């Protein structure tokens, strides 16, 4: 009987501890929920006063300093986004082709010229090379496609360059 009594007492203790842990978890959850609500209310209050600051309202020195710091941070973020937009627009524009020089006289050649306007020599136009796998245009000396990694030149063509 003593064994059964001890097992019963052990089960009761485990049950009490489990219910205590459950209650503690429930209380902790309520506390965290309340903390979250308070943090959101503080955020809303701060937003309200910051909007008042932007509308010309004045506050004590510390609050004005914090509002000025927030405004400076927002301005910095706006500048960064403007720079990103500028870079994006710049990269989207086709790059102006650099004028090439005539191999014979060194004079500048207009884009797409077949003959030099200074000496009349026929301009060598490098043959365009395309990837046999994906069709991406590649440089004449590329061995592999930069888009799909497929081999562009045959081994014997590449070895002749070496």
N, C-alpha and C. Protein backbone atom coordinates (compact mmCIF):
# COMPACT_ATOMS: atom_id res chain seq x y z
N UNK A 1 0.80 -1.19 0.00
CA UNK A 1 0.00 0.00 0.00
C UNK A 1 0.85 1.25 0.00
N UNK A 2 1.97 1.18 0.67
CA UNK A 2 2.84 2.35 0.76
C UNK A 2 3.31 2.76 -0.62
N UNK A 3 3.57 1.80 -1.48
CA UNK A 3 4.03 2.10 -2.84
C UNK A 3 2.94 2.82 -3.62
N UNK A 4 1.72 2.34 -3.48
CA UNK A 4 0.60 2.96 -4.19
C UNK A 4 0.37 4.37 -3.66
N UNK A 5 0.50 4.56 -2.35
CA UNK A 5 0.34 5.89 -1.76
C UNK A 5 1.42 6.84 -2.27
N UNK A 6 2.66 6.34 -2.34
CA UNK A 6 3.76 7.17 -2.84
C UNK A 6 3.55 7.54 -4.30
N UNK A 7 3.09 6.58 -5.11
CA UNK A 7 2.81 6.85 -6.52
C UNK A 7 1.69 7.88 -6.66
N UNK A 8 0.68 7.76 -5.84
CA UNK A 8 -0.43 8.71 -5.86
C UNK A 8 0.05 10.10 -5.49
N UNK A 9 0.90 10.18 -4.45
CA UNK A 9 1.43 11.47 -4.01
C UNK A 9 2.34 12.07 -5.08
N UNK A 10 3.13 11.24 -5.74
CA UNK A 10 4.01 11.70 -6.81
C UNK A 10 3.19 12.24 -7.98
N UNK A 11 2.14 11.53 -8.34
CA UNK A 11 1.27 11.98 -9.43
C UNK A 11 0.61 13.30 -9.07
N UNK A 12 0.20 13.47 -7.80
CA UNK A 12 -0.41 14.72 -7.36
C UNK A 12 0.59 15.86 -7.45
N UNK A 13 1.84 15.61 -7.02
CA UNK A 13 2.88 16.65 -7.08
C UNK A 13 3.16 17.06 -8.53
N UNK A 14 3.25 16.07 -9.42
CA UNK A 14 3.49 16.35 -10.84
C UNK A 14 2.33 17.17 -11.39
N UNK A 15 1.12 16.80 -11.05
CA UNK A 15 -0.07 17.52 -11.50
C UNK A 15 -0.07 18.95 -10.99
N UNK A 16 0.30 19.13 -9.71
CA UNK A 16 0.34 20.48 -9.13
C UNK A 16 1.39 21.34 -9.84
N UNK A 17 2.57 20.74 -10.07
CA UNK A 17 3.64 21.49 -10.74
C UNK A 17 3.24 21.83 -12.18
N UNK A 18 2.60 20.88 -12.86
CA UNK A 18 2.18 21.12 -14.24
C UNK A 18 1.16 22.24 -14.30
N UNK A 19 0.17 22.20 -13.41
CA UNK A 19 -0.84 23.26 -13.42
C UNK A 19 -0.22 24.59 -13.02
N UNK A 20 0.77 24.54 -12.14
CA UNK A 20 1.48 25.77 -11.76
C UNK A 20 2.25 26.35 -12.94
N UNK A 21 2.89 25.47 -13.72
CA UNK A 21 3.62 25.94 -14.90
C UNK A 21 2.68 26.50 -15.95
N UNK A 22 1.54 25.84 -16.11
CA UNK A 22 0.56 26.31 -17.08
C UNK A 22 0.05 27.69 -16.67
N UNK A 23 -0.25 27.86 -15.39
CA UNK A 23 -0.72 29.16 -14.90
C UNK A 23 0.37 30.22 -15.05
N UNK A 24 1.61 29.86 -14.77
CA UNK A 24 2.72 30.82 -14.94
C UNK A 24 2.87 31.22 -16.40
N UNK A 25 2.76 30.26 -17.29
CA UNK A 25 2.86 30.56 -18.72
C UNK A 25 1.72 31.47 -19.16
N UNK A 26 0.53 31.21 -18.65
CA UNK A 26 -0.63 32.03 -18.98
C UNK A 26 -0.40 33.47 -18.49
N UNK A 27 0.08 33.62 -17.27
CA UNK A 27 0.35 34.96 -16.72
C UNK A 27 1.45 35.67 -17.51
N UNK A 28 2.48 34.93 -17.86
CA UNK A 28 3.58 35.51 -18.64
C UNK A 28 3.07 35.97 -20.00
N UNK A 29 2.21 35.19 -20.63
CA UNK A 29 1.62 35.57 -21.90
C UNK A 29 0.80 36.84 -21.78
N UNK A 30 0.02 36.96 -20.70
CA UNK A 30 -0.77 38.18 -20.48
C UNK A 30 0.14 39.38 -20.27
N UNK A 31 1.23 39.19 -19.52
CA UNK A 31 2.16 40.29 -19.27
C UNK A 31 2.81 40.75 -20.57
N UNK A 32 3.23 39.81 -21.40
CA UNK A 32 3.86 40.17 -22.67
C UNK A 32 2.87 40.85 -23.61
N UNK A 33 1.65 40.40 -23.61
CA UNK A 33 0.62 41.03 -24.43
C UNK A 33 0.41 42.48 -23.98
N UNK A 34 0.36 42.68 -22.66
CA UNK A 34 0.18 44.03 -22.14
C UNK A 34 1.39 44.90 -22.46
N UNK A 35 2.60 44.34 -22.36
CA UNK A 35 3.82 45.09 -22.72
C UNK A 35 3.78 45.51 -24.18
N UNK A 36 3.32 44.62 -25.04
CA UNK A 36 3.22 44.93 -26.46
C UNK A 36 2.22 46.06 -26.70
N UNK A 37 1.10 46.02 -26.00
CA UNK A 37 0.09 47.07 -26.13
C UNK A 37 0.67 48.41 -25.67
N UNK A 38 1.37 48.41 -24.55
CA UNK A 38 1.98 49.65 -24.04
C UNK A 38 3.01 50.18 -25.02
N UNK A 39 3.84 49.31 -25.58
CA UNK A 39 4.85 49.74 -26.55
C UNK A 39 4.19 50.36 -27.78
N UNK A 40 3.10 49.77 -28.25
CA UNK A 40 2.38 50.32 -29.41
C UNK A 40 1.78 51.68 -29.07
N UNK A 41 1.22 51.82 -27.86
CA UNK A 41 0.67 53.12 -27.45
C UNK A 41 1.76 54.18 -27.36
N UNK A 42 2.93 53.81 -26.85
CA UNK A 42 4.05 54.76 -26.79
C UNK A 42 4.47 55.17 -28.20
N UNK A 43 4.50 54.21 -29.10
CA UNK A 43 4.87 54.50 -30.49
C UNK A 43 3.87 55.47 -31.10
N UNK A 44 2.57 55.23 -30.87
CA UNK A 44 1.54 56.11 -31.40
C UNK A 44 1.65 57.50 -30.79
N UNK A 45 1.93 57.58 -29.49
CA UNK A 45 2.10 58.87 -28.82
C UNK A 45 3.30 59.61 -29.40
N UNK A 46 4.40 58.89 -29.60
CA UNK A 46 5.58 59.51 -30.21
C UNK A 46 5.29 60.01 -31.61
N UNK A 47 4.56 59.23 -32.39
CA UNK A 47 4.20 59.64 -33.74
C UNK A 47 3.33 60.89 -33.70
N UNK A 48 2.40 60.94 -32.74
CA UNK A 48 1.54 62.12 -32.59
C UNK A 48 2.38 63.37 -32.33
N UNK A 49 3.29 63.28 -31.36
CA UNK A 49 4.10 64.45 -31.03
C UNK A 49 5.07 64.81 -32.15
N UNK A 50 5.57 63.81 -32.86
CA UNK A 50 6.47 64.10 -33.98
C UNK A 50 5.71 64.83 -35.08
N UNK A 51 4.48 64.42 -35.35
CA UNK A 51 3.66 65.13 -36.34
C UNK A 51 3.39 66.56 -35.89
N UNK A 52 3.18 66.74 -34.57
CA UNK A 52 3.00 68.10 -34.04
C UNK A 52 4.27 68.93 -34.28
N UNK A 53 5.43 68.32 -34.05
CA UNK A 53 6.72 68.98 -34.29
C UNK A 53 6.83 69.40 -35.76
N UNK A 54 6.47 68.51 -36.67
CA UNK A 54 6.54 68.82 -38.10
C UNK A 54 5.59 69.95 -38.47
N UNK A 55 4.51 70.10 -37.70
CA UNK A 55 3.54 71.17 -37.95
C UNK A 55 3.92 72.47 -37.24
N UNK A 56 5.11 72.51 -36.63
CA UNK A 56 5.61 73.75 -36.02
C UNK A 56 5.46 73.84 -34.52
N UNK A 57 4.91 72.85 -33.88
CA UNK A 57 4.76 72.86 -32.43
C UNK A 57 6.14 72.78 -31.77
N UNK A 58 6.31 73.47 -30.64
CA UNK A 58 7.59 73.42 -29.92
C UNK A 58 7.38 72.69 -28.60
N UNK A 59 8.45 72.01 -28.19
CA UNK A 59 8.43 71.23 -26.95
C UNK A 59 9.68 71.58 -26.16
N UNK A 60 9.93 70.85 -25.08
CA UNK A 60 11.14 71.11 -24.30
C UNK A 60 12.38 70.75 -25.13
N UNK A 61 13.53 71.15 -24.65
CA UNK A 61 14.78 71.02 -25.41
C UNK A 61 15.09 69.57 -25.79
N UNK A 62 14.92 68.65 -24.86
CA UNK A 62 15.23 67.25 -25.14
C UNK A 62 14.31 66.68 -26.22
N UNK A 63 13.02 66.98 -26.12
CA UNK A 63 12.07 66.48 -27.12
C UNK A 63 12.37 67.10 -28.48
N UNK A 64 12.70 68.38 -28.51
CA UNK A 64 13.02 69.04 -29.78
C UNK A 64 14.27 68.41 -30.41
N UNK A 65 15.26 68.09 -29.57
CA UNK A 65 16.48 67.45 -30.07
C UNK A 65 16.19 66.09 -30.67
N UNK A 66 15.36 65.32 -30.00
CA UNK A 66 15.01 63.99 -30.53
C UNK A 66 14.22 64.10 -31.83
N UNK A 67 13.32 65.06 -31.88
CA UNK A 67 12.55 65.27 -33.12
C UNK A 67 13.48 65.68 -34.25
N UNK A 68 14.45 66.54 -33.95
CA UNK A 68 15.41 66.96 -34.98
C UNK A 68 16.25 65.78 -35.45
N UNK A 69 16.63 64.89 -34.52
CA UNK A 69 17.38 63.69 -34.90
C UNK A 69 16.56 62.79 -35.82
N UNK A 70 15.28 62.63 -35.49
CA UNK A 70 14.40 61.81 -36.33
C UNK A 70 14.29 62.42 -37.71
N UNK A 71 14.10 63.75 -37.77
CA UNK A 71 13.96 64.44 -39.06
C UNK A 71 15.24 64.28 -39.87
N UNK A 72 16.40 64.41 -39.23
CA UNK A 72 17.68 64.25 -39.94
C UNK A 72 17.81 62.82 -40.48
N UNK A 73 17.38 61.85 -39.68
CA UNK A 73 17.42 60.46 -40.14
C UNK A 73 16.50 60.22 -41.32
N UNK A 74 15.30 60.80 -41.27
CA UNK A 74 14.37 60.66 -42.40
C UNK A 74 14.93 61.33 -43.65
N UNK A 75 15.57 62.50 -43.48
CA UNK A 75 16.18 63.18 -44.63
C UNK A 75 17.30 62.35 -45.23
N UNK A 76 18.12 61.73 -44.36
CA UNK A 76 19.22 60.88 -44.84
C UNK A 76 18.67 59.69 -45.62
N UNK A 77 17.61 59.08 -45.11
CA UNK A 77 16.99 57.95 -45.81
C UNK A 77 16.46 58.40 -47.17
N UNK A 78 15.82 59.57 -47.21
CA UNK A 78 15.29 60.08 -48.48
C UNK A 78 16.42 60.32 -49.48
N UNK A 79 17.56 60.85 -49.00
CA UNK A 79 18.71 61.06 -49.88
C UNK A 79 19.25 59.73 -50.42
N UNK A 80 19.31 58.73 -49.57
CA UNK A 80 19.80 57.42 -50.00
C UNK A 80 18.89 56.83 -51.06
N UNK A 81 17.57 56.92 -50.84
CA UNK A 81 16.63 56.41 -51.84
C UNK A 81 16.74 57.19 -53.15
N UNK A 82 16.94 58.51 -53.06
CA UNK A 82 17.11 59.31 -54.27
C UNK A 82 18.36 58.88 -55.03
N UNK A 83 19.44 58.60 -54.30
CA UNK A 83 20.68 58.14 -54.93
C UNK A 83 20.46 56.78 -55.59
N UNK A 84 19.74 55.90 -54.92
CA UNK A 84 19.44 54.59 -55.51
C UNK A 84 18.62 54.75 -56.78
N UNK A 85 17.63 55.63 -56.76
CA UNK A 85 16.82 55.88 -57.96
C UNK A 85 17.68 56.43 -59.08
N UNK A 86 18.59 57.37 -58.74
CA UNK A 86 19.47 57.95 -59.75
C UNK A 86 20.34 56.88 -60.37
N UNK A 87 20.91 56.01 -59.53
CA UNK A 87 21.76 54.94 -60.05
C UNK A 87 20.97 53.95 -60.89
N UNK A 88 19.75 53.66 -60.47
CA UNK A 88 18.91 52.74 -61.22
C UNK A 88 18.58 53.33 -62.59
N UNK A 89 18.23 54.62 -62.62
CA UNK A 89 17.92 55.28 -63.89
C UNK A 89 19.16 55.34 -64.78
N UNK A 90 20.30 55.60 -64.16
CA UNK A 90 21.56 55.69 -64.90
C UNK A 90 21.93 54.34 -65.51
N UNK A 91 21.73 53.28 -64.77
CA UNK A 91 22.08 51.96 -65.29
C UNK A 91 21.08 51.49 -66.34
N UNK A 92 19.86 52.02 -66.31
CA UNK A 92 18.85 51.64 -67.29
C UNK A 92 19.10 52.32 -68.64
N UNK A 93 19.73 53.51 -68.60
CA UNK A 93 20.04 54.20 -69.84
C UNK A 93 21.12 53.46 -70.59
N UNK A 94 21.00 53.36 -71.90
CA UNK A 94 22.08 52.71 -72.64
C UNK A 94 23.33 53.57 -72.55
N UNK A 95 24.44 52.92 -72.30
CA UNK A 95 25.70 53.64 -72.18
C UNK A 95 26.09 54.21 -73.53
N UNK A 96 26.57 55.45 -73.50
CA UNK A 96 27.03 56.07 -74.74
C UNK A 96 28.27 55.34 -75.21
N UNK A 97 28.27 54.97 -76.45
CA UNK A 97 29.40 54.23 -76.99
C UNK A 97 30.61 55.15 -77.06
N UNK A 98 31.71 54.66 -76.56
CA UNK A 98 32.94 55.44 -76.63
C UNK A 98 33.39 55.46 -78.08
N UNK A 99 33.81 56.64 -78.56
CA UNK A 99 34.27 56.68 -79.95
C UNK A 99 35.52 55.83 -80.09
N UNK A 100 35.53 55.01 -81.13
CA UNK A 100 36.70 54.18 -81.37
C UNK A 100 37.66 54.93 -82.28
N UNK A 101 38.87 54.44 -82.34
CA UNK A 101 39.90 55.09 -83.15
C UNK A 101 40.23 54.23 -84.36
N UNK A 102 40.55 54.88 -85.44
CA UNK A 102 40.96 54.21 -86.67
C UNK A 102 42.30 53.53 -86.43
N UNK A 103 42.42 52.27 -86.88
CA UNK A 103 43.67 51.52 -86.73
C UNK A 103 44.78 52.11 -87.60
N UNK A 104 44.40 52.80 -88.66
CA UNK A 104 45.39 53.32 -89.61
C UNK A 104 45.90 54.70 -89.20
N UNK A 105 44.97 55.68 -89.03
CA UNK A 105 45.41 57.06 -88.77
C UNK A 105 45.19 57.50 -87.33
N UNK A 106 44.43 56.75 -86.54
CA UNK A 106 44.18 57.11 -85.15
C UNK A 106 43.04 58.10 -84.97
N UNK A 107 42.42 58.53 -86.06
CA UNK A 107 41.30 59.47 -85.97
C UNK A 107 40.09 58.81 -85.33
N UNK A 108 39.22 59.66 -84.74
CA UNK A 108 38.05 59.10 -84.09
C UNK A 108 37.02 58.68 -85.13
N UNK A 109 36.38 57.56 -84.84
CA UNK A 109 35.39 57.00 -85.75
C UNK A 109 34.00 57.19 -85.17
N UNK A 110 33.06 57.67 -85.96
CA UNK A 110 31.69 57.75 -85.46
C UNK A 110 31.12 56.34 -85.28
N UNK A 111 30.13 56.23 -84.40
CA UNK A 111 29.53 54.93 -84.12
C UNK A 111 28.93 54.35 -85.40
N UNK A 112 29.24 53.07 -85.66
CA UNK A 112 28.70 52.37 -86.81
C UNK A 112 29.41 52.66 -88.12
N UNK A 113 30.53 53.38 -88.08
CA UNK A 113 31.25 53.72 -89.32
C UNK A 113 31.85 52.48 -89.95
N UNK A 114 31.77 52.39 -91.28
CA UNK A 114 32.38 51.28 -92.01
C UNK A 114 33.74 51.71 -92.59
N UNK A 115 33.89 53.02 -92.79
CA UNK A 115 35.14 53.57 -93.32
C UNK A 115 35.53 54.77 -92.47
N UNK A 116 36.83 55.00 -92.33
CA UNK A 116 37.33 56.13 -91.56
C UNK A 116 37.06 57.42 -92.34
N UNK A 117 36.43 58.44 -91.72
CA UNK A 117 36.17 59.69 -92.42
C UNK A 117 37.43 60.52 -92.63
N UNK A 118 38.55 60.15 -92.00
CA UNK A 118 39.79 60.92 -92.11
C UNK A 118 40.73 60.38 -93.18
N UNK A 119 40.85 59.03 -93.25
CA UNK A 119 41.80 58.46 -94.21
C UNK A 119 41.15 57.50 -95.21
N UNK A 120 39.90 57.13 -95.01
CA UNK A 120 39.19 56.29 -95.96
C UNK A 120 39.42 54.80 -95.82
N UNK A 121 40.20 54.37 -94.85
CA UNK A 121 40.48 52.95 -94.65
C UNK A 121 39.23 52.26 -94.11
N UNK A 122 38.98 51.05 -94.61
CA UNK A 122 37.82 50.29 -94.14
C UNK A 122 38.04 49.90 -92.68
N UNK A 123 37.03 50.11 -91.87
CA UNK A 123 37.09 49.83 -90.44
C UNK A 123 36.75 48.37 -90.21
N UNK A 124 37.59 47.71 -89.42
CA UNK A 124 37.31 46.32 -89.06
C UNK A 124 36.27 46.31 -87.96
N UNK A 125 35.16 45.68 -88.23
CA UNK A 125 34.11 45.54 -87.23
C UNK A 125 34.23 44.14 -86.65
N UNK A 126 34.48 44.04 -85.34
CA UNK A 126 34.62 42.71 -84.76
C UNK A 126 33.32 41.93 -84.92
N UNK A 127 33.48 40.68 -85.29
CA UNK A 127 32.31 39.81 -85.48
C UNK A 127 31.64 39.58 -84.13
N UNK A 128 30.34 39.63 -84.15
CA UNK A 128 29.60 39.37 -82.91
C UNK A 128 29.59 37.87 -82.67
N UNK A 129 29.74 37.52 -81.41
CA UNK A 129 29.75 36.12 -81.00
C UNK A 129 28.55 35.90 -80.10
N UNK A 130 27.84 34.82 -80.34
CA UNK A 130 26.66 34.51 -79.54
C UNK A 130 26.81 33.12 -78.94
N UNK A 131 26.26 32.97 -77.75
CA UNK A 131 26.29 31.68 -77.07
C UNK A 131 25.43 30.69 -77.85
N UNK A 132 25.96 29.50 -78.14
CA UNK A 132 25.16 28.52 -78.87
C UNK A 132 24.03 27.94 -78.02
N UNK A 133 24.14 28.07 -76.70
CA UNK A 133 23.13 27.49 -75.80
C UNK A 133 21.95 28.44 -75.59
N UNK A 134 22.25 29.71 -75.18
CA UNK A 134 21.16 30.63 -74.82
C UNK A 134 21.03 31.81 -75.76
N UNK A 135 22.02 32.03 -76.65
CA UNK A 135 21.94 33.11 -77.63
C UNK A 135 22.40 34.46 -77.11
N UNK A 136 22.92 34.51 -75.89
CA UNK A 136 23.40 35.77 -75.32
C UNK A 136 24.64 36.25 -76.08
N UNK A 137 24.71 37.57 -76.37
CA UNK A 137 25.88 38.11 -77.06
C UNK A 137 27.07 38.10 -76.11
N UNK A 138 28.23 37.68 -76.62
CA UNK A 138 29.43 37.57 -75.80
C UNK A 138 30.58 38.28 -76.50
N UNK A 139 31.63 38.57 -75.75
CA UNK A 139 32.84 39.15 -76.34
C UNK A 139 33.53 38.08 -77.18
N UNK A 140 34.28 38.52 -78.19
CA UNK A 140 34.93 37.59 -79.11
C UNK A 140 35.93 36.68 -78.40
N UNK A 141 36.54 37.16 -77.31
CA UNK A 141 37.55 36.34 -76.64
C UNK A 141 36.99 35.54 -75.47
N UNK A 142 35.68 35.59 -75.24
CA UNK A 142 35.08 34.80 -74.17
C UNK A 142 35.08 33.32 -74.53
N UNK A 143 35.43 32.49 -73.56
CA UNK A 143 35.39 31.04 -73.76
C UNK A 143 34.06 30.46 -73.28
N UNK A 144 33.47 31.10 -72.26
CA UNK A 144 32.23 30.62 -71.67
C UNK A 144 31.22 31.75 -71.60
N UNK A 145 29.95 31.41 -71.71
CA UNK A 145 28.86 32.38 -71.64
C UNK A 145 28.71 32.87 -70.21
N UNK A 146 28.58 34.19 -70.06
CA UNK A 146 28.41 34.76 -68.73
C UNK A 146 27.00 34.57 -68.19
N UNK A 147 26.06 34.16 -69.03
CA UNK A 147 24.68 33.99 -68.60
C UNK A 147 24.34 32.55 -68.23
N UNK A 148 24.80 31.60 -69.06
CA UNK A 148 24.42 30.20 -68.80
C UNK A 148 25.62 29.29 -68.54
N UNK A 149 26.84 29.79 -68.79
CA UNK A 149 28.03 29.00 -68.52
C UNK A 149 28.42 28.03 -69.62
N UNK A 150 27.68 28.03 -70.72
CA UNK A 150 27.99 27.11 -71.82
C UNK A 150 29.29 27.53 -72.49
N UNK A 151 29.99 26.57 -73.04
CA UNK A 151 31.25 26.83 -73.75
C UNK A 151 30.91 27.53 -75.07
N UNK A 152 31.61 28.64 -75.35
CA UNK A 152 31.36 29.40 -76.57
C UNK A 152 32.34 29.02 -77.65
N UNK A 153 33.63 28.92 -77.29
CA UNK A 153 34.67 28.60 -78.28
C UNK A 153 35.06 27.14 -78.15
N UNK A 154 35.46 26.58 -79.27
CA UNK A 154 36.00 25.22 -79.27
C UNK A 154 37.42 25.28 -78.72
N UNK A 155 37.92 24.15 -78.22
CA UNK A 155 39.26 24.09 -77.64
C UNK A 155 40.33 24.52 -78.62
N UNK A 156 40.25 24.10 -79.89
CA UNK A 156 41.30 24.44 -80.85
C UNK A 156 41.32 25.93 -81.15
N UNK A 157 40.15 26.61 -81.13
CA UNK A 157 40.13 28.05 -81.33
C UNK A 157 40.81 28.76 -80.18
N UNK A 158 40.54 28.28 -78.96
CA UNK A 158 41.10 28.92 -77.77
C UNK A 158 42.61 28.69 -77.70
N UNK A 159 43.07 27.50 -78.08
CA UNK A 159 44.49 27.19 -78.01
C UNK A 159 45.29 28.02 -79.00
N UNK A 160 44.69 28.41 -80.12
CA UNK A 160 45.39 29.23 -81.10
C UNK A 160 45.69 30.61 -80.54
N UNK A 161 44.84 31.11 -79.63
CA UNK A 161 45.06 32.42 -79.02
C UNK A 161 46.25 32.39 -78.08
N UNK A 162 46.55 31.23 -77.47
CA UNK A 162 47.63 31.12 -76.48
C UNK A 162 48.93 31.14 -77.14
